[in-house]
């Protein structure tokens, strides 16, 4: 990165840490965000995302904080994730989490971009249309696409989407790409009220439709929604397969993020 890009990336990372981690709001009904010492965590139903959003720890405080979160989620009876960012301290926190029984999943890259710069029109292949999800059938199709694209059980995602659409529809938008009426790509946009950010999540395309520009089209569609709702920036936890595409589009890498899962 150039010096200017590096300075901008550091500004965006500081803003992200403050608005979306230290000052996080619950991301679904029946969820709560709490500050426990130097840890910010979310707790909710089993199908919700449960875990540590932010921590400000050092070598003296880390082990006790890890033990406290284990005790909290054990009492709640739900598995959880410690979302560890590359700049979080102490430097060996990942190793301490593994020693406490966590399993590290694949690291991703936190990236961000100006929403209005991503909102331009993108041509779609013949026979393909984009459709926003407004009902349970649309959610079922999103789940179907994710399971075909990623090979994982996405039923909890479906439940979370239905919860958000019912309780707080202004904070989430899901969109499908349909080829001759068949869902072949899907993604969602999470809107964080009171912040500068909107989050790109879950962009997945079934194998036979990859390389046809659908990923880019879904980014642009969600960027238009974000700007309409007053959000300046898009943020995304990019998998290794997505990072090169997003960098070509102008997204800046800010840091890494690794899920450490327990239970």
Protein backbone atom coordinates (compact mmCIF):
# COMPACT_ATOMS: atom_id res chain seq x y z
CA UNK A 1 0.00 0.00 0.00
CA UNK A 2 1.04 3.61 -0.49
CA UNK A 3 1.62 5.83 2.56
CA UNK A 4 -1.76 7.49 1.95
CA UNK A 5 -3.51 4.12 1.77
CA UNK A 6 -1.76 2.95 4.92
CA UNK A 7 -2.86 6.08 6.79
CA UNK A 8 -6.42 5.62 5.56
CA UNK A 9 -6.42 1.93 6.53
CA UNK A 10 -5.33 2.80 10.07
CA UNK A 11 -8.10 5.42 10.32
CA UNK A 12 -10.72 2.93 9.14
CA UNK A 13 -9.45 0.26 11.54
CA UNK A 14 -9.63 2.65 14.49
CA UNK A 15 -13.17 3.65 13.48
CA UNK A 16 -14.18 0.01 13.03
CA UNK A 17 -12.78 -0.96 16.43
CA UNK A 18 -14.66 1.83 18.16
CA UNK A 19 -18.00 1.67 16.36
CA UNK A 20 -18.43 -2.04 15.67
CA UNK A 21 -16.47 -3.67 18.47
CA UNK A 22 -16.14 -1.53 21.61
CA UNK A 23 -19.55 0.15 21.05
CA UNK A 24 -21.25 -2.86 19.41
CA UNK A 25 -25.01 -3.25 19.48
CA UNK A 26 -26.92 -6.57 19.55
CA UNK A 27 -27.31 -8.06 16.09
CA UNK A 28 -30.61 -9.84 16.69
CA UNK A 29 -33.65 -10.10 18.93
CA UNK A 30 -33.07 -11.74 22.31
CA UNK A 31 -29.36 -10.90 22.04
CA UNK A 32 -27.50 -8.64 24.43
CA UNK A 33 -24.09 -7.00 24.30
CA UNK A 34 -22.26 -6.66 27.60
CA UNK A 35 -18.95 -5.27 28.76
CA UNK A 36 -17.22 -7.58 31.22
CA UNK A 37 -14.00 -5.95 32.37
CA UNK A 38 -11.85 -5.49 29.26
CA UNK A 39 -14.09 -7.72 27.13
CA UNK A 40 -17.14 -6.89 25.00
CA UNK A 41 -19.29 -9.93 24.20
CA UNK A 42 -22.65 -10.86 22.71
CA UNK A 43 -24.94 -13.49 24.20
CA UNK A 44 -28.15 -14.77 22.67
CA UNK A 45 -30.06 -17.91 21.68
CA UNK A 46 -28.18 -20.97 20.47
CA UNK A 47 -28.84 -20.15 16.79
CA UNK A 48 -27.55 -16.56 17.23
CA UNK A 49 -23.93 -15.50 16.99
CA UNK A 50 -22.46 -15.80 20.49
CA UNK A 51 -18.99 -14.59 21.25
CA UNK A 52 -16.33 -12.05 22.12
CA UNK A 53 -16.36 -8.96 19.89
CA UNK A 54 -13.51 -6.98 21.43
CA UNK A 55 -10.91 -7.32 24.15
CA UNK A 56 -8.28 -5.03 25.57
CA UNK A 57 -6.02 -7.50 27.35
CA UNK A 58 -2.36 -7.87 28.25
CA UNK A 59 -0.12 -10.65 29.54
CA UNK A 60 -1.33 -10.14 33.12
CA UNK A 61 -5.07 -10.09 32.44
CA UNK A 62 -5.54 -12.44 29.47
CA UNK A 63 -5.84 -15.84 31.18
CA UNK A 64 -8.36 -14.64 33.77
CA UNK A 65 -10.45 -12.99 31.06
CA UNK A 66 -10.45 -16.17 28.97
CA UNK A 67 -11.53 -18.20 32.00
CA UNK A 68 -14.31 -15.71 32.78
CA UNK A 69 -15.75 -15.96 29.25
CA UNK A 70 -15.61 -19.75 29.36
CA UNK A 71 -17.55 -19.68 32.61
CA UNK A 72 -20.09 -17.19 31.23
CA UNK A 73 -20.96 -19.14 28.09
CA UNK A 74 -20.89 -22.46 29.92
CA UNK A 75 -23.54 -21.05 32.27
CA UNK A 76 -25.54 -19.86 29.26
CA UNK A 77 -25.31 -23.30 27.68
CA UNK A 78 -24.25 -22.09 24.23
CA UNK A 79 -21.11 -22.57 22.13
CA UNK A 80 -19.26 -19.36 21.32
CA UNK A 81 -16.52 -17.74 19.30
CA UNK A 82 -13.68 -15.46 20.30
CA UNK A 83 -13.25 -13.18 17.30
CA UNK A 84 -9.55 -12.38 17.45
CA UNK A 85 -8.12 -9.60 15.31
CA UNK A 86 -4.49 -9.41 14.24
CA UNK A 87 -3.78 -6.27 16.26
CA UNK A 88 -5.42 -7.51 19.50
CA UNK A 89 -3.18 -8.07 22.50
CA UNK A 90 -1.41 -9.79 23.97
CA UNK A 91 0.55 -11.13 21.01
CA UNK A 92 0.12 -14.74 22.20
CA UNK A 93 -3.64 -14.51 22.85
CA UNK A 94 -4.34 -17.03 20.09
CA UNK A 95 -2.03 -19.57 21.72
CA UNK A 96 -3.67 -18.95 25.09
CA UNK A 97 -7.10 -19.57 23.56
CA UNK A 98 -5.95 -22.85 22.02
CA UNK A 99 -4.49 -23.90 25.38
CA UNK A 100 -7.91 -23.19 26.93
CA UNK A 101 -9.66 -25.54 24.48
CA UNK A 102 -10.56 -23.25 21.58
CA UNK A 103 -10.15 -24.36 17.97
CA UNK A 104 -8.84 -21.82 15.47
CA UNK A 105 -10.68 -21.64 12.15
CA UNK A 106 -9.28 -20.20 8.93
CA UNK A 107 -8.13 -16.57 9.21
CA UNK A 108 -9.81 -13.93 7.07
CA UNK A 109 -8.89 -10.37 6.12
CA UNK A 110 -10.88 -7.43 7.43
CA UNK A 111 -11.32 -5.07 4.45
CA UNK A 112 -13.14 -1.79 3.95
CA UNK A 113 -14.07 0.61 1.14
CA UNK A 114 -16.13 3.71 0.47
CA UNK A 115 -19.70 2.57 -0.17
CA UNK A 116 -20.43 5.13 -2.87
CA UNK A 117 -17.34 4.05 -4.85
CA UNK A 118 -18.73 0.50 -5.03
CA UNK A 119 -22.30 1.42 -5.96
CA UNK A 120 -22.00 1.69 -9.74
CA UNK A 121 -24.19 -0.37 -12.07
CA UNK A 122 -22.84 -3.81 -12.98
CA UNK A 123 -24.17 -5.64 -16.07
CA UNK A 124 -25.70 -9.05 -15.41
CA UNK A 125 -25.43 -12.10 -17.67
CA UNK A 126 -28.46 -12.80 -19.88
CA UNK A 127 -31.30 -14.43 -17.94
CA UNK A 128 -29.98 -13.31 -14.54
CA UNK A 129 -31.84 -10.92 -12.24
CA UNK A 130 -31.28 -9.68 -8.70
CA UNK A 131 -34.10 -9.93 -6.20
CA UNK A 132 -34.19 -8.70 -2.61
CA UNK A 133 -35.45 -11.20 -0.05
CA UNK A 134 -38.72 -10.22 1.60
CA UNK A 135 -40.25 -13.45 2.89
CA UNK A 136 -39.62 -16.94 4.26
CA UNK A 137 -39.37 -18.46 0.78
CA UNK A 138 -36.61 -16.03 -0.12
CA UNK A 139 -34.75 -16.92 3.09
CA UNK A 140 -35.10 -20.61 2.20
CA UNK A 141 -33.48 -19.88 -1.17
CA UNK A 142 -30.61 -17.99 0.49
CA UNK A 143 -29.99 -20.99 2.73
CA UNK A 144 -30.13 -23.31 -0.28
CA UNK A 145 -27.54 -21.24 -2.18
CA UNK A 146 -25.21 -21.07 0.82
CA UNK A 147 -25.36 -24.80 1.38
CA UNK A 148 -24.63 -25.48 -2.30
CA UNK A 149 -21.85 -22.87 -2.47
CA UNK A 150 -20.09 -23.61 0.82
CA UNK A 151 -21.08 -27.21 1.56
CA UNK A 152 -22.13 -26.33 5.12
CA UNK A 153 -25.35 -26.47 7.12
CA UNK A 154 -26.79 -22.93 6.91
CA UNK A 155 -30.02 -23.51 8.83
CA UNK A 156 -28.93 -21.21 11.68
CA UNK A 157 -28.31 -18.45 9.15
CA UNK A 158 -31.88 -18.88 7.96
CA UNK A 159 -33.24 -18.58 11.48
CA UNK A 160 -31.16 -15.46 12.16
CA UNK A 161 -32.37 -13.84 8.95
CA UNK A 162 -36.00 -14.57 9.77
CA UNK A 163 -35.51 -13.20 13.29
CA UNK A 164 -33.98 -9.95 12.02
CA UNK A 165 -36.53 -9.48 9.24
CA UNK A 166 -39.36 -9.87 11.73
CA UNK A 167 -37.94 -7.82 14.61
CA UNK A 168 -35.77 -5.18 12.95
CA UNK A 169 -36.05 -5.31 9.15
CA UNK A 170 -34.17 -2.04 8.69
CA UNK A 171 -30.90 -3.63 9.81
CA UNK A 172 -30.54 -6.44 7.28
CA UNK A 173 -30.99 -6.92 3.55
CA UNK A 174 -30.53 -10.20 1.70
CA UNK A 175 -30.33 -10.42 -2.07
CA UNK A 176 -30.49 -13.32 -4.51
CA UNK A 177 -29.21 -13.68 -8.06
CA UNK A 178 -31.57 -15.89 -10.05
CA UNK A 179 -30.71 -17.46 -13.41
CA UNK A 180 -33.93 -18.14 -15.28
CA UNK A 181 -35.68 -18.20 -11.91
CA UNK A 182 -33.20 -20.55 -10.20
CA UNK A 183 -31.22 -19.08 -7.23
CA UNK A 184 -27.50 -19.29 -8.00
CA UNK A 185 -25.91 -16.62 -5.79
CA UNK A 186 -26.84 -14.93 -2.53
CA UNK A 187 -25.49 -12.41 -0.05
CA UNK A 188 -26.62 -10.18 2.77
CA UNK A 189 -25.95 -6.67 4.02
CA UNK A 190 -25.97 -5.92 7.73
CA UNK A 191 -26.65 -2.28 8.55
CA UNK A 192 -25.28 -0.97 11.83
CA UNK A 193 -27.48 1.96 12.94
CA UNK A 194 -25.62 4.95 14.29
CA UNK A 195 -22.33 3.93 12.66
CA UNK A 196 -20.52 4.73 9.43
CA UNK A 197 -20.39 1.05 8.44
CA UNK A 198 -22.49 -1.54 6.71
CA UNK A 199 -21.23 -5.12 6.57
CA UNK A 200 -21.04 -7.44 3.57
CA UNK A 201 -21.66 -11.03 4.62
CA UNK A 202 -22.18 -14.44 3.09
CA UNK A 203 -21.52 -13.75 -0.59
CA UNK A 204 -21.72 -17.20 -2.16
CA UNK A 205 -22.20 -18.46 -5.73
CA UNK A 206 -22.84 -22.03 -6.80
CA UNK A 207 -19.87 -23.50 -8.62
CA UNK A 208 -21.27 -23.49 -12.15
CA UNK A 209 -21.99 -19.75 -11.98
CA UNK A 210 -18.65 -18.56 -10.62
CA UNK A 211 -16.66 -16.25 -12.86
CA UNK A 212 -19.75 -14.58 -14.36
CA UNK A 213 -19.63 -11.34 -12.38
CA UNK A 214 -22.35 -12.20 -9.87
CA UNK A 215 -20.14 -11.52 -6.84
CA UNK A 216 -19.35 -8.03 -8.13
CA UNK A 217 -23.02 -7.39 -8.90
CA UNK A 218 -24.04 -8.36 -5.37
CA UNK A 219 -21.37 -6.06 -3.90
CA UNK A 220 -22.64 -3.15 -6.00
CA UNK A 221 -26.28 -3.79 -5.13
CA UNK A 222 -25.53 -3.86 -1.42
CA UNK A 223 -23.35 -0.75 -1.72
CA UNK A 224 -26.30 1.13 -3.22
CA UNK A 225 -28.50 0.06 -0.32
CA UNK A 226 -25.84 1.10 2.20
CA UNK A 227 -25.42 4.57 0.71
CA UNK A 228 -29.18 5.05 0.56
CA UNK A 229 -29.33 4.25 4.29
CA UNK A 230 -26.58 6.75 5.10
CA UNK A 231 -23.59 4.44 5.65
CA UNK A 232 -20.23 5.69 4.34
CA UNK A 233 -18.18 2.50 4.40
CA UNK A 234 -18.50 -1.18 3.59
CA UNK A 235 -16.62 -3.72 5.70
CA UNK A 236 -16.13 -7.39 5.02
CA UNK A 237 -14.31 -10.36 6.55
CA UNK A 238 -12.81 -11.65 3.32
CA UNK A 239 -11.91 -15.28 2.74
CA UNK A 240 -8.70 -15.91 0.76
CA UNK A 241 -10.81 -16.52 -2.37
CA UNK A 242 -12.60 -13.16 -2.00
CA UNK A 243 -9.68 -10.94 -1.01
CA UNK A 244 -8.15 -10.59 -4.51
CA UNK A 245 -11.54 -9.69 -6.01
CA UNK A 246 -12.22 -7.09 -3.33
CA UNK A 247 -8.74 -5.58 -3.65
CA UNK A 248 -9.28 -5.16 -7.39
CA UNK A 249 -12.51 -3.33 -6.53
CA UNK A 250 -10.65 -0.95 -4.24
CA UNK A 251 -11.16 -2.47 -0.80
CA UNK A 252 -8.27 -1.89 1.62
CA UNK A 253 -6.98 -4.67 3.89
CA UNK A 254 -7.05 -3.45 7.50
CA UNK A 255 -6.03 -6.49 9.58
CA UNK A 256 -6.69 -10.20 9.91
CA UNK A 257 -9.49 -11.81 11.89
CA UNK A 258 -9.54 -15.39 13.13
CA UNK A 259 -12.49 -17.16 14.77
CA UNK A 260 -11.52 -19.22 17.81
CA UNK A 261 -14.45 -21.53 18.48
CA UNK A 262 -15.37 -23.27 21.75
CA UNK A 263 -18.12 -25.80 22.40
